[in-house]
Amino acid sequence: MVKVGETVSTLESKSVEIKSPCSYDGEVELIGISTAEKDKLKENLSDQYKQLFESLIALRTGEIVFKALNQQQFVLKWNYNSPTSRTFRAYVYFDEVYIKPVAPGELDSSDIKVTLDAPSTSGFSSGSVTIGRLLTFGGSTITAGSPTNITDNGGKIADITLKEDVAGALKKNDTRFPQMNTVKLVLSPGFSWDNVTLIPLGGFSSGSVHFAVYTERDGCSALYLKINNESSGSPGQLVIKASVKVNEPLTTSRDVKVTYGGTNPGVGGERIAEVTVAKYLVPGLTVMAKNALDVVAGRLNQQIGSFTIAEGMPGDLPQGRLISLTLPEGAKWNQVPQVSLEAGNGSLEFRGTRDEGRTVTFVVKTASSERAVFCFKNATVDLALGAPEELAVTVKGPGVSSTVTVAHVQAPVAVSAAGGTVRIGVQGQSVGALTIQENLVGALRVRDASGNRAVLRLNLPSGVRFARVPAVKVTAGDLELDATGIKLDDNEQTLVIPVKLPSTTPVERQRQAKFRRR
């Protein structure tokens, strides 16, 4: 059905073209309305629409004209010359469309469209409308409900629904079943079909489809469907209710999947669709990182990535049990992780901090009646300069002791020296240039996390001191140093370099220094 409706002033004509390879039967009918039908319709109209209704019904013969130009085009013309602001609607029903023989590869599109072409002054807008789609072959596919949870005992899986695109898509099997025209549903390795019930719907009648279970060459369990009678009248549907067995206990959780395929023309291939029908659960907690962030050694209050702790089965986190999260040496918690529930219905409660801030503990306040997944997020840490390159959290709880990486630690700067020879007892000796390169933009800051003035300090070993304040300059980037604040400290053993403005691009600086032996 094509519905044309626009506000008009002066209406002229409206043409509708059905693009090749489609055509219609050349007959267009304008459906009239009887007086009794008109009165019945008017009873349900408000006063606002009664006048409009009367004016449309009162159109005389000849004011609306349908004319077929050919088998692919017709014209709709309204010979009502008085301007109006009311809406005119024409309903065109395409009860039957003829399709010429054509190879699927020759089709520009499977959509059957009509083109609406009207003069710009007609009050109608031009465009195209899809009135149907051409099925170049009759196929089928499967869908599944929400996956169930199963254990070593096996159990019921989600209902699977097989649907044909057109009636008769799945061809009848003969005595060569299951070798010919196969329709099969293959389970993931490690699982076998157990109890199976088929419920035929749509064009499938009772007894149209039977089944048999076989083992594939790769050892997988396959449910073969035998089509005793093809669907008719409407596309067939088949609801498969089943349970599966676990061949042997497995050590890890996994999805149980069903792959749909076969050589039947209504299937079209060995792997047409794959659906998850169950989740196989094993007891025990699983720790997994969601993301890991970049942080800088020597800085405070830096956000780290988030991670999850998931139950393998409900009850793996009993009420009252503790979970501890421990950072390595050189790191301690600043803001404790926030805990959110991603699955299940249990709850955790923060218990406290120990190990000088490196360990935080949570207690299971409420055990979950379903498999629970807890996410730990939005935590921040304080890092020493000697923090490890990979920041990992050690998670300990009921039956688990695992580590998860939550951050990659970068040193704020890299230091390199040109080298040189120094003789004992000689004063004012020149040494090679010392180059400091930022590893990330803004590594050298004006203020530290507490808001205090931040400076770069270079310390000489015991027995060595600077002969004078070295020349310090920025050789690349846009870092600005506070030249007036550069000085020697700690009895000339320490060079203090304050930063005026942090960099916004990578920076390299060189420092040439002279020092003397005490």
Protein backbone atom coordinates (compact mmCIF):
# COMPACT_ATOMS: atom_id res chain seq x y z
CA MET A 1 0.00 0.00 0.00
CA VAL A 2 1.25 3.47 -0.88
CA LYS A 3 -0.18 6.40 1.05
CA VAL A 4 0.09 9.88 -0.48
CA GLY A 5 -0.87 12.79 1.75
CA GLU A 6 0.14 16.44 1.44
CA THR A 7 -1.40 19.88 2.06
CA VAL A 8 -2.21 21.26 -1.41
CA SER A 9 -3.17 24.50 -3.11
CA THR A 10 -3.79 23.68 -6.76
CA LEU A 11 -3.50 19.99 -7.61
CA GLU A 12 -2.52 18.79 -11.05
CA SER A 13 -1.34 15.21 -11.40
CA LYS A 14 0.44 12.44 -9.62
CA SER A 15 2.22 9.57 -11.38
CA VAL A 16 3.49 6.36 -9.85
CA GLU A 17 6.09 4.25 -11.63
CA ILE A 18 6.98 0.66 -10.72
CA LYS A 19 10.57 0.06 -11.70
CA SER A 20 11.64 -2.94 -13.78
CA PRO A 21 11.58 -5.92 -13.46
CA CYS A 22 8.22 -5.45 -11.71
CA SER A 23 4.86 -4.57 -13.24
CA TYR A 24 1.24 -4.44 -12.09
CA ASP A 25 -1.82 -5.89 -13.77
CA GLY A 26 -2.94 -2.57 -15.36
CA GLU A 27 -6.15 -2.25 -13.35
CA VAL A 28 -6.60 0.50 -10.77
CA GLU A 29 -9.82 0.77 -8.78
CA LEU A 30 -11.09 3.88 -6.95
CA ILE A 31 -13.14 2.47 -4.10
CA GLY A 32 -16.35 4.39 -3.45
CA ILE A 33 -18.43 4.67 -0.29
CA SER A 34 -22.15 4.18 0.25
CA THR A 35 -24.48 6.66 1.95
CA ALA A 36 -24.98 4.31 4.92
CA GLU A 37 -21.24 3.88 5.31
CA LYS A 38 -20.77 7.64 5.06
CA ASP A 39 -23.32 8.36 7.81
CA LYS A 40 -21.79 5.71 10.07
CA LEU A 41 -18.32 7.20 9.67
CA LYS A 42 -19.57 10.75 10.32
CA GLU A 43 -21.00 9.76 13.71
CA ASN A 44 -17.48 9.28 15.06
CA LEU A 45 -16.05 12.52 13.67
CA SER A 46 -15.71 15.80 15.53
CA ASP A 47 -17.18 18.98 14.02
CA GLN A 48 -13.66 19.99 13.00
CA TYR A 49 -13.47 17.09 10.50
CA LYS A 50 -17.11 16.71 9.39
CA GLN A 51 -16.87 19.53 6.85
CA LEU A 52 -13.68 18.08 5.41
CA PHE A 53 -15.29 14.64 5.28
CA GLU A 54 -18.31 15.99 3.40
CA SER A 55 -16.14 17.84 0.89
CA LEU A 56 -14.13 14.70 0.11
CA ILE A 57 -17.21 12.47 -0.22
CA ALA A 58 -18.89 15.09 -2.44
CA LEU A 59 -16.24 14.81 -5.16
CA ARG A 60 -18.09 14.17 -8.39
CA THR A 61 -17.28 11.56 -10.93
CA GLY A 62 -14.47 12.82 -13.16
CA GLU A 63 -12.82 14.98 -10.51
CA ILE A 64 -10.40 12.14 -9.66
CA VAL A 65 -8.97 10.31 -12.66
CA PHE A 66 -6.78 7.20 -12.73
CA LYS A 67 -5.21 6.41 -16.07
CA ALA A 68 -2.90 3.51 -16.84
CA LEU A 69 -0.15 4.58 -19.26
CA ASN A 70 1.44 1.13 -19.52
CA GLN A 71 2.07 -1.92 -17.35
CA GLN A 72 4.62 -0.02 -15.29
CA GLN A 73 3.10 3.44 -14.95
CA PHE A 74 -0.19 5.13 -14.21
CA VAL A 75 -1.34 8.69 -13.51
CA LEU A 76 -3.52 10.02 -10.72
CA LYS A 77 -5.11 13.39 -11.54
CA TRP A 78 -7.45 15.55 -9.47
CA ASN A 79 -9.49 17.93 -11.62
CA TYR A 80 -10.57 20.08 -8.70
CA ASN A 81 -9.48 23.57 -9.71
CA SER A 82 -10.49 25.57 -6.66
CA PRO A 83 -7.50 26.19 -4.34
CA THR A 84 -7.74 24.55 -0.95
CA SER A 85 -5.54 24.21 2.15
CA ARG A 86 -7.05 20.90 3.12
CA THR A 87 -5.25 17.58 2.98
CA PHE A 88 -5.99 15.22 0.10
CA ARG A 89 -5.12 11.54 0.57
CA ALA A 90 -5.19 8.80 -2.06
CA TYR A 91 -4.67 5.17 -1.13
CA VAL A 92 -3.19 2.98 -3.86
CA TYR A 93 -3.25 -0.76 -3.18
CA PHE A 94 -0.80 -2.99 -5.01
CA ASP A 95 -2.68 -6.25 -4.58
CA GLU A 96 -0.60 -8.11 -7.12
CA VAL A 97 2.80 -7.41 -8.65
CA TYR A 98 4.23 -9.51 -11.47
CA ILE A 99 7.95 -10.35 -11.41
CA LYS A 100 9.68 -10.98 -14.71
CA PRO A 101 12.24 -13.82 -14.81
CA VAL A 102 15.59 -12.33 -13.85
CA ALA A 103 18.84 -13.60 -12.34
CA PRO A 104 19.48 -12.35 -8.77
CA GLY A 105 22.82 -10.89 -9.82
CA GLU A 106 21.08 -8.64 -12.36
CA LEU A 107 19.00 -6.90 -9.69
CA ASP A 108 20.17 -3.49 -8.52
CA SER A 109 18.27 -4.04 -5.28
CA SER A 110 15.87 -6.54 -3.73
CA ASP A 111 13.53 -3.66 -2.81
CA ILE A 112 10.39 -3.18 -4.91
CA LYS A 113 9.90 0.57 -5.14
CA VAL A 114 7.42 2.97 -6.66
CA THR A 115 8.61 6.36 -7.85
CA LEU A 116 6.29 9.29 -7.15
CA ASP A 117 6.82 12.03 -9.72
CA ALA A 118 4.83 15.30 -9.58
CA PRO A 119 5.26 18.82 -10.99
CA SER A 120 6.68 21.28 -8.49
CA THR A 121 3.44 23.31 -8.53
CA SER A 122 1.11 20.38 -7.96
CA GLY A 123 1.16 20.36 -4.16
CA PHE A 124 2.48 16.78 -4.12
CA SER A 125 6.08 15.95 -3.30
CA SER A 126 8.15 13.56 -5.40
CA GLY A 127 10.15 10.63 -4.04
CA SER A 128 10.17 6.84 -3.82
CA VAL A 129 8.48 4.36 -1.50
CA THR A 130 9.41 0.71 -0.89
CA ILE A 131 6.26 -1.43 -1.15
CA GLY A 132 7.90 -4.85 -0.90
CA ARG A 133 11.08 -6.87 -1.08
CA LEU A 134 12.00 -9.53 -3.57
CA LEU A 135 13.25 -12.80 -2.09
CA THR A 136 15.77 -14.16 -4.59
CA PHE A 137 15.87 -17.48 -2.72
CA GLY A 138 14.03 -19.10 0.14
CA GLY A 139 16.30 -19.42 3.15
CA SER A 140 16.00 -19.97 6.89
CA THR A 141 17.75 -18.99 10.09
CA ILE A 142 17.66 -19.58 13.84
CA THR A 143 17.34 -17.41 16.94
CA ALA A 144 17.58 -18.25 20.63
CA GLY A 145 16.22 -16.93 23.90
CA SER A 146 18.32 -15.76 26.85
CA PRO A 147 21.11 -18.24 27.68
CA THR A 148 20.56 -20.45 30.71
CA ASN A 149 23.19 -21.44 33.29
CA ILE A 150 24.34 -25.06 33.46
CA THR A 151 26.94 -26.97 35.49
CA ASP A 152 28.57 -30.41 35.28
CA ASN A 153 25.09 -31.92 35.54
CA GLY A 154 24.06 -30.30 32.26
CA GLY A 155 20.54 -28.96 31.96
CA LYS A 156 18.00 -27.06 29.93
CA ILE A 157 19.21 -24.62 27.27
CA ALA A 158 17.47 -21.61 25.75
CA ASP A 159 14.62 -22.32 23.32
CA ILE A 160 15.76 -22.22 19.69
CA THR A 161 13.40 -20.98 16.97
CA LEU A 162 13.98 -21.96 13.34
CA LYS A 163 12.20 -19.79 10.75
CA GLU A 164 11.81 -20.16 7.00
CA ASP A 165 11.83 -17.06 4.82
CA VAL A 166 9.18 -18.54 2.53
CA ALA A 167 6.93 -21.57 2.64
CA GLY A 168 8.65 -24.71 1.39
CA ALA A 169 12.17 -23.31 1.78
CA LEU A 170 13.38 -26.43 3.58
CA LYS A 171 13.12 -29.29 1.13
CA LYS A 172 11.78 -32.72 1.99
CA ASN A 173 14.20 -35.47 2.96
CA ASP A 174 14.06 -38.87 1.29
CA THR A 175 15.41 -42.27 2.29
CA ARG A 176 18.97 -40.94 2.07
CA PHE A 177 18.58 -39.00 5.34
CA PRO A 178 20.83 -37.85 6.96
CA GLN A 179 23.30 -37.85 4.04
CA MET A 180 21.29 -35.57 1.70
CA ASN A 181 19.55 -32.22 2.20
CA THR A 182 20.88 -31.92 5.75
CA VAL A 183 19.51 -29.47 8.31
CA LYS A 184 21.61 -29.65 11.47
CA LEU A 185 22.33 -27.83 14.70
CA VAL A 186 25.81 -28.56 16.07
CA LEU A 187 26.76 -28.04 19.74
CA SER A 188 30.05 -26.64 21.05
CA PRO A 189 32.74 -29.22 21.84
CA GLY A 190 32.32 -30.87 25.23
CA PHE A 191 28.50 -30.96 25.16
CA SER A 192 25.92 -33.41 23.76
CA TRP A 193 22.22 -33.18 22.93
CA ASP A 194 20.05 -34.86 25.56
CA ASN A 195 16.26 -34.44 25.60
CA VAL A 196 14.77 -32.72 22.53
CA THR A 197 11.19 -31.64 21.80
CA LEU A 198 10.08 -30.12 18.47
CA ILE A 199 7.07 -27.80 18.30
CA PRO A 200 5.97 -27.11 14.66
CA LEU A 201 4.34 -23.75 13.92
CA GLY A 202 3.34 -21.70 10.89
CA GLY A 203 3.37 -23.78 7.70
CA PHE A 204 4.68 -26.89 9.44
CA SER A 205 2.00 -29.35 10.46
CA SER A 206 2.26 -31.91 13.24
CA GLY A 207 4.77 -34.60 12.31
CA SER A 208 6.31 -32.52 9.53
CA VAL A 209 9.73 -32.58 11.17
CA HIS A 210 11.50 -35.34 13.08
CA PHE A 211 15.04 -35.43 14.46
CA ALA A 212 18.04 -37.65 15.12
CA VAL A 213 21.29 -37.03 17.02
CA TYR A 214 24.63 -37.95 15.43
CA THR A 215 28.29 -37.32 16.21
CA GLU A 216 30.21 -35.29 13.64
CA ARG A 217 33.70 -36.24 12.44
CA ASP A 218 35.22 -33.63 14.77
CA GLY A 219 33.44 -35.21 17.75
CA CYS A 220 30.75 -32.53 18.12
CA SER A 221 27.15 -33.53 18.84
CA ALA A 222 24.74 -32.63 16.01
CA LEU A 223 20.94 -32.52 15.98
CA TYR A 224 19.75 -33.44 12.46
CA LEU A 225 16.24 -32.37 11.46
CA LYS A 226 14.37 -34.61 9.04
CA ILE A 227 11.85 -32.73 6.89
CA ASN A 228 9.05 -35.25 6.33
CA ASN A 229 6.70 -32.71 4.76
CA GLU A 230 7.54 -29.27 3.43
CA SER A 231 5.71 -26.28 4.89
CA SER A 232 2.78 -24.89 2.92
CA GLY A 233 0.58 -21.80 3.01
CA SER A 234 2.97 -19.82 5.16
CA PRO A 235 6.65 -20.07 6.14
CA GLY A 236 7.35 -22.84 8.61
CA GLN A 237 8.59 -22.26 12.14
CA LEU A 238 10.02 -24.80 14.53
CA VAL A 239 10.59 -24.26 18.27
CA ILE A 240 13.27 -26.57 19.67
CA LYS A 241 13.16 -27.17 23.42
CA ALA A 242 16.16 -29.15 24.59
CA SER A 243 18.60 -30.03 27.33
CA VAL A 244 22.28 -30.93 26.98
CA LYS A 245 24.77 -33.15 28.77
CA VAL A 246 28.34 -32.26 29.73
CA ASN A 247 30.69 -34.91 28.33
CA GLU A 248 33.23 -34.47 31.15
CA PRO A 249 33.91 -31.84 33.83
CA LEU A 250 35.55 -28.71 32.42
CA THR A 251 38.00 -26.47 34.28
CA THR A 252 36.86 -23.07 32.92
CA SER A 253 33.56 -21.33 32.31
CA ARG A 254 32.43 -20.99 28.70
CA ASP A 255 29.49 -20.29 26.39
CA VAL A 256 27.52 -23.21 24.97
CA LYS A 257 26.80 -22.40 21.33
CA VAL A 258 24.74 -23.93 18.55
CA THR A 259 25.83 -23.60 14.91
CA TYR A 260 23.10 -23.86 12.26
CA GLY A 261 23.93 -25.20 8.81
CA GLY A 262 23.47 -27.97 6.28
CA THR A 263 23.23 -28.88 2.61
CA ASN A 264 19.46 -28.41 2.32
CA PRO A 265 18.70 -25.66 -0.25
CA GLY A 266 16.68 -23.89 2.43
CA VAL A 267 19.74 -23.68 4.68
CA GLY A 268 22.42 -22.68 2.21
CA GLY A 269 25.69 -23.57 3.93
CA GLU A 270 27.49 -25.35 6.75
CA ARG A 271 27.69 -22.31 9.07
CA ILE A 272 24.73 -20.01 8.48
CA ALA A 273 24.11 -18.79 12.03
CA GLU A 274 25.48 -19.24 15.54
CA VAL A 275 23.59 -18.62 18.78
CA THR A 276 24.54 -18.88 22.46
CA VAL A 277 22.08 -21.12 24.29
CA ALA A 278 23.71 -21.59 27.71
CA LYS A 279 26.63 -20.61 29.93
CA TYR A 280 28.63 -23.39 31.52
CA LEU A 281 29.67 -22.36 35.03
CA VAL A 282 32.47 -23.66 37.23
CA PRO A 283 32.95 -22.70 40.89
CA GLY A 284 35.56 -20.13 41.88
CA LEU A 285 36.24 -16.41 41.55
CA THR A 286 37.64 -14.90 38.36
CA VAL A 287 39.53 -11.58 38.33
CA MET A 288 39.70 -9.67 35.04
CA ALA A 289 40.95 -6.20 34.03
CA LYS A 290 38.55 -3.97 32.11
CA ASN A 291 41.18 -1.35 31.22
CA ALA A 292 44.64 -0.15 32.28
CA LEU A 293 45.54 3.56 32.36
CA ASP A 294 48.88 5.39 31.99
CA VAL A 295 50.21 6.95 35.21
CA VAL A 296 53.41 8.79 36.18
CA ALA A 297 55.88 7.71 38.86
CA GLY A 298 56.30 10.14 41.73
CA ARG A 299 52.82 11.66 41.52
CA LEU A 300 49.85 11.54 43.86
CA ASN A 301 46.15 10.85 43.40
CA GLN A 302 46.33 9.27 39.92
CA GLN A 303 43.40 7.32 38.54
CA ILE A 304 43.95 3.67 37.65
CA GLY A 305 41.94 1.26 35.50
CA SER A 306 38.95 -0.78 36.60
CA PHE A 307 38.61 -4.55 37.07
CA THR A 308 35.99 -7.13 37.94
CA ILE A 309 35.64 -10.02 40.36
CA ALA A 310 33.12 -12.57 39.09
CA GLU A 311 31.61 -15.59 40.75
CA GLY A 312 31.84 -18.79 38.76
CA MET A 313 28.63 -19.97 40.44
CA PRO A 314 26.18 -18.40 42.90
CA GLY A 315 27.51 -18.69 46.44
CA ASP A 316 31.23 -18.39 45.62
CA LEU A 317 31.21 -15.23 47.77
CA PRO A 318 29.48 -16.26 51.02
CA GLN A 319 28.21 -13.62 53.42
CA GLY A 320 30.88 -12.41 55.87
CA ARG A 321 33.93 -13.42 53.79
CA LEU A 322 36.68 -10.85 53.07
CA ILE A 323 38.23 -9.62 49.80
CA SER A 324 41.58 -7.80 49.95
CA LEU A 325 43.15 -5.62 47.24
CA THR A 326 46.90 -5.02 47.66
CA LEU A 327 49.19 -2.66 45.69
CA PRO A 328 52.94 -3.36 45.22
CA GLU A 329 55.77 -1.55 47.03
CA GLY A 330 56.03 2.04 45.89
CA ALA A 331 52.25 2.49 45.59
CA LYS A 332 49.40 3.07 48.03
CA TRP A 333 45.69 3.73 47.77
CA ASN A 334 44.52 7.34 47.75
CA GLN A 335 40.83 6.95 46.90
CA VAL A 336 39.38 3.53 47.63
CA PRO A 337 37.74 1.78 44.62
CA GLN A 338 34.03 2.27 44.13
CA VAL A 339 32.14 -1.02 43.84
CA SER A 340 29.24 -1.50 41.43
CA LEU A 341 27.20 -4.63 40.71
CA GLU A 342 27.24 -5.74 37.07
CA ALA A 343 25.34 -9.00 37.61
CA GLY A 344 23.58 -10.79 40.44
CA ASN A 345 22.14 -9.21 43.58
CA GLY A 346 24.82 -9.39 46.30
CA SER A 347 26.66 -6.48 47.96
CA LEU A 348 30.13 -5.62 49.30
CA GLU A 349 31.02 -3.16 52.05
CA PHE A 350 34.35 -1.35 52.62
CA ARG A 351 36.06 -2.68 55.74
CA GLY A 352 39.31 -0.69 56.06
CA THR A 353 42.93 -0.03 55.03
CA ARG A 354 46.17 -1.65 56.23
CA ASP A 355 49.83 -2.20 55.25
CA GLU A 356 50.52 1.56 55.33
CA GLY A 357 47.81 2.22 52.77
CA ARG A 358 48.77 -0.53 50.32
CA THR A 359 45.85 -2.87 51.12
CA VAL A 360 42.12 -2.22 51.27
CA THR A 361 39.57 -4.84 52.36
CA PHE A 362 35.88 -5.40 51.62
CA VAL A 363 33.43 -7.74 53.32
CA VAL A 364 30.57 -9.60 51.63
CA LYS A 365 27.56 -7.94 53.22
CA THR A 366 24.96 -9.91 51.24
CA ALA A 367 25.56 -13.11 49.30
CA SER A 368 24.05 -13.24 45.80
CA SER A 369 21.38 -15.75 44.86
CA GLU A 370 22.55 -15.45 41.24
CA ARG A 371 26.03 -15.43 39.74
CA ALA A 372 27.47 -12.06 40.84
CA VAL A 373 29.96 -9.80 39.07
CA PHE A 374 31.44 -6.84 40.98
CA CYS A 375 33.28 -3.99 39.26
CA PHE A 376 35.96 -1.97 41.11
CA LYS A 377 36.41 1.44 39.50
CA ASN A 378 37.37 5.14 39.94
CA ALA A 379 40.23 4.36 42.33
CA THR A 380 43.32 6.60 42.62
CA VAL A 381 46.82 5.83 43.90
CA ASP A 382 49.93 7.65 45.13
CA LEU A 383 53.14 6.49 43.42
CA ALA A 384 56.77 6.74 44.49
CA LEU A 385 59.49 7.36 41.90
CA GLY A 386 60.48 3.72 42.24
CA ALA A 387 57.02 2.30 41.48
CA PRO A 388 57.09 -0.76 39.15
CA GLU A 389 56.44 -0.26 35.43
CA GLU A 390 53.32 -2.47 35.55
CA LEU A 391 51.04 -1.60 38.46
CA ALA A 392 49.18 -4.77 39.45
CA VAL A 393 46.60 -5.31 42.19
CA THR A 394 46.77 -8.59 44.09
CA VAL A 395 43.24 -9.85 44.80
CA LYS A 396 42.70 -12.37 47.60
CA GLY A 397 39.38 -13.86 48.61
CA PRO A 398 37.55 -17.17 49.04
CA GLY A 399 39.50 -19.62 46.88
CA VAL A 400 41.32 -16.97 44.82
CA SER A 401 44.72 -15.25 44.84
CA SER A 402 45.25 -13.44 41.56
CA THR A 403 46.86 -10.30 40.15
CA VAL A 404 45.40 -7.89 37.64
CA THR A 405 47.24 -5.04 35.87
CA VAL A 406 45.46 -1.70 36.29
CA ALA A 407 48.08 0.85 35.16
CA HIS A 408 51.26 1.34 33.14
CA VAL A 409 53.78 3.45 35.08
CA GLN A 410 55.99 5.92 33.25
CA ALA A 411 58.96 7.80 34.68
CA PRO A 412 58.28 11.55 34.28
CA VAL A 413 61.67 12.19 32.63
CA ALA A 414 64.61 10.32 31.07
CA VAL A 415 68.16 11.47 31.91
CA SER A 416 71.26 10.96 29.74
CA ALA A 417 74.83 12.25 30.12
CA ALA A 418 77.45 12.96 27.44
CA GLY A 419 80.20 11.67 29.77
CA GLY A 420 83.71 12.99 30.41
CA THR A 421 86.93 12.43 32.39
CA VAL A 422 87.36 13.81 35.92
CA ARG A 423 90.68 13.97 37.76
CA ILE A 424 90.78 13.84 41.55
CA GLY A 425 91.89 17.06 43.24
CA VAL A 426 91.46 19.32 40.19
CA GLN A 427 89.01 22.18 40.64
CA GLY A 428 86.58 23.66 38.12
CA GLN A 429 86.63 20.75 35.68
CA SER A 430 84.23 20.73 32.74
CA VAL A 431 81.98 17.70 32.25
CA GLY A 432 79.69 16.60 29.46
CA ALA A 433 76.17 17.93 28.95
CA LEU A 434 73.33 16.42 30.91
CA THR A 435 70.12 16.01 28.88
CA ILE A 436 66.69 15.59 30.46
CA GLN A 437 63.82 14.55 28.20
CA GLU A 438 60.17 14.56 29.30
CA ASN A 439 58.47 11.23 28.73
CA LEU A 440 55.10 12.91 28.52
CA VAL A 441 53.80 16.42 28.01
CA GLY A 442 53.64 18.44 31.23
CA ALA A 443 55.76 15.99 33.22
CA LEU A 444 57.60 18.92 34.85
CA ARG A 445 54.92 20.86 36.69
CA VAL A 446 54.69 24.26 38.32
CA ARG A 447 52.75 22.96 41.35
CA ASP A 448 52.63 19.54 42.95
CA ALA A 449 49.42 17.69 43.92
CA SER A 450 49.28 19.64 47.21
CA GLY A 451 49.59 23.01 45.47
CA ASN A 452 53.15 23.70 46.61
CA ARG A 453 55.81 25.11 44.27
CA ALA A 454 57.42 22.23 42.36
CA VAL A 455 61.10 22.28 41.41
CA LEU A 456 63.54 19.97 39.65
CA ARG A 457 66.47 19.02 41.90
CA LEU A 458 69.75 17.52 40.62
CA ASN A 459 71.91 16.08 43.44
CA LEU A 460 75.65 15.35 43.18
CA PRO A 461 77.19 12.42 45.07
CA SER A 462 78.99 12.93 48.38
CA GLY A 463 82.36 14.66 47.99
CA VAL A 464 81.41 16.50 44.80
CA ARG A 465 79.87 19.95 44.44
CA PHE A 466 79.11 22.46 41.72
CA ALA A 467 81.85 25.02 41.01
CA ARG A 468 79.19 27.53 39.98
CA VAL A 469 75.57 27.63 38.83
CA PRO A 470 75.45 25.62 35.56
CA ALA A 471 74.02 27.05 32.34
CA VAL A 472 70.50 25.72 31.96
CA LYS A 473 68.41 26.18 28.81
CA VAL A 474 65.44 24.67 26.99
CA THR A 475 66.55 23.32 23.61
CA ALA A 476 63.20 22.01 22.34
CA GLY A 477 59.51 22.40 23.14
CA ASP A 478 57.64 25.17 24.91
CA LEU A 479 58.57 24.56 28.56
CA GLU A 480 59.51 27.78 30.34
CA LEU A 481 61.96 27.76 33.25
CA ASP A 482 62.12 30.40 35.97
CA ALA A 483 65.66 31.58 35.20
CA THR A 484 65.75 33.92 38.20
CA GLY A 485 65.08 31.03 40.57
CA ILE A 486 67.81 28.67 39.35
CA LYS A 487 70.26 28.23 42.22
CA LEU A 488 72.58 25.93 44.16
CA ASP A 489 71.49 24.42 47.46
CA ASP A 490 72.72 21.97 50.13
CA ASN A 491 76.23 23.43 50.22
CA GLU A 492 76.38 23.58 46.40
CA GLN A 493 75.64 19.87 45.99
CA THR A 494 72.12 20.38 44.61
CA LEU A 495 71.00 22.31 41.55
CA VAL A 496 67.46 23.67 41.93
CA ILE A 497 65.51 24.44 38.72
CA PRO A 498 62.01 25.91 39.12
CA VAL A 499 59.45 25.64 36.26
CA LYS A 500 57.61 28.79 35.17
CA LEU A 501 55.17 27.23 32.68
CA PRO A 502 54.69 23.50 31.93
CA SER A 503 55.12 22.15 28.42
CA THR A 504 52.32 21.48 25.99
CA THR A 505 54.65 19.70 23.52
CA PRO A 506 57.48 17.22 24.15
CA VAL A 507 60.54 18.97 25.67
CA GLU A 508 64.26 18.38 25.65
CA ARG A 509 66.69 20.43 27.77
CA GLN A 510 70.47 20.45 28.04
CA ARG A 511 72.53 21.43 31.04
CA GLN A 512 76.29 22.04 31.04
CA ALA A 513 77.91 22.03 34.45
CA LYS A 514 81.30 22.50 36.01
CA PHE A 515 82.04 21.00 39.40
CA ARG A 516 85.09 20.65 41.60
CA ARG A 517 86.31 17.95 43.91
CA ARG A 518 86.32 18.90 47.58
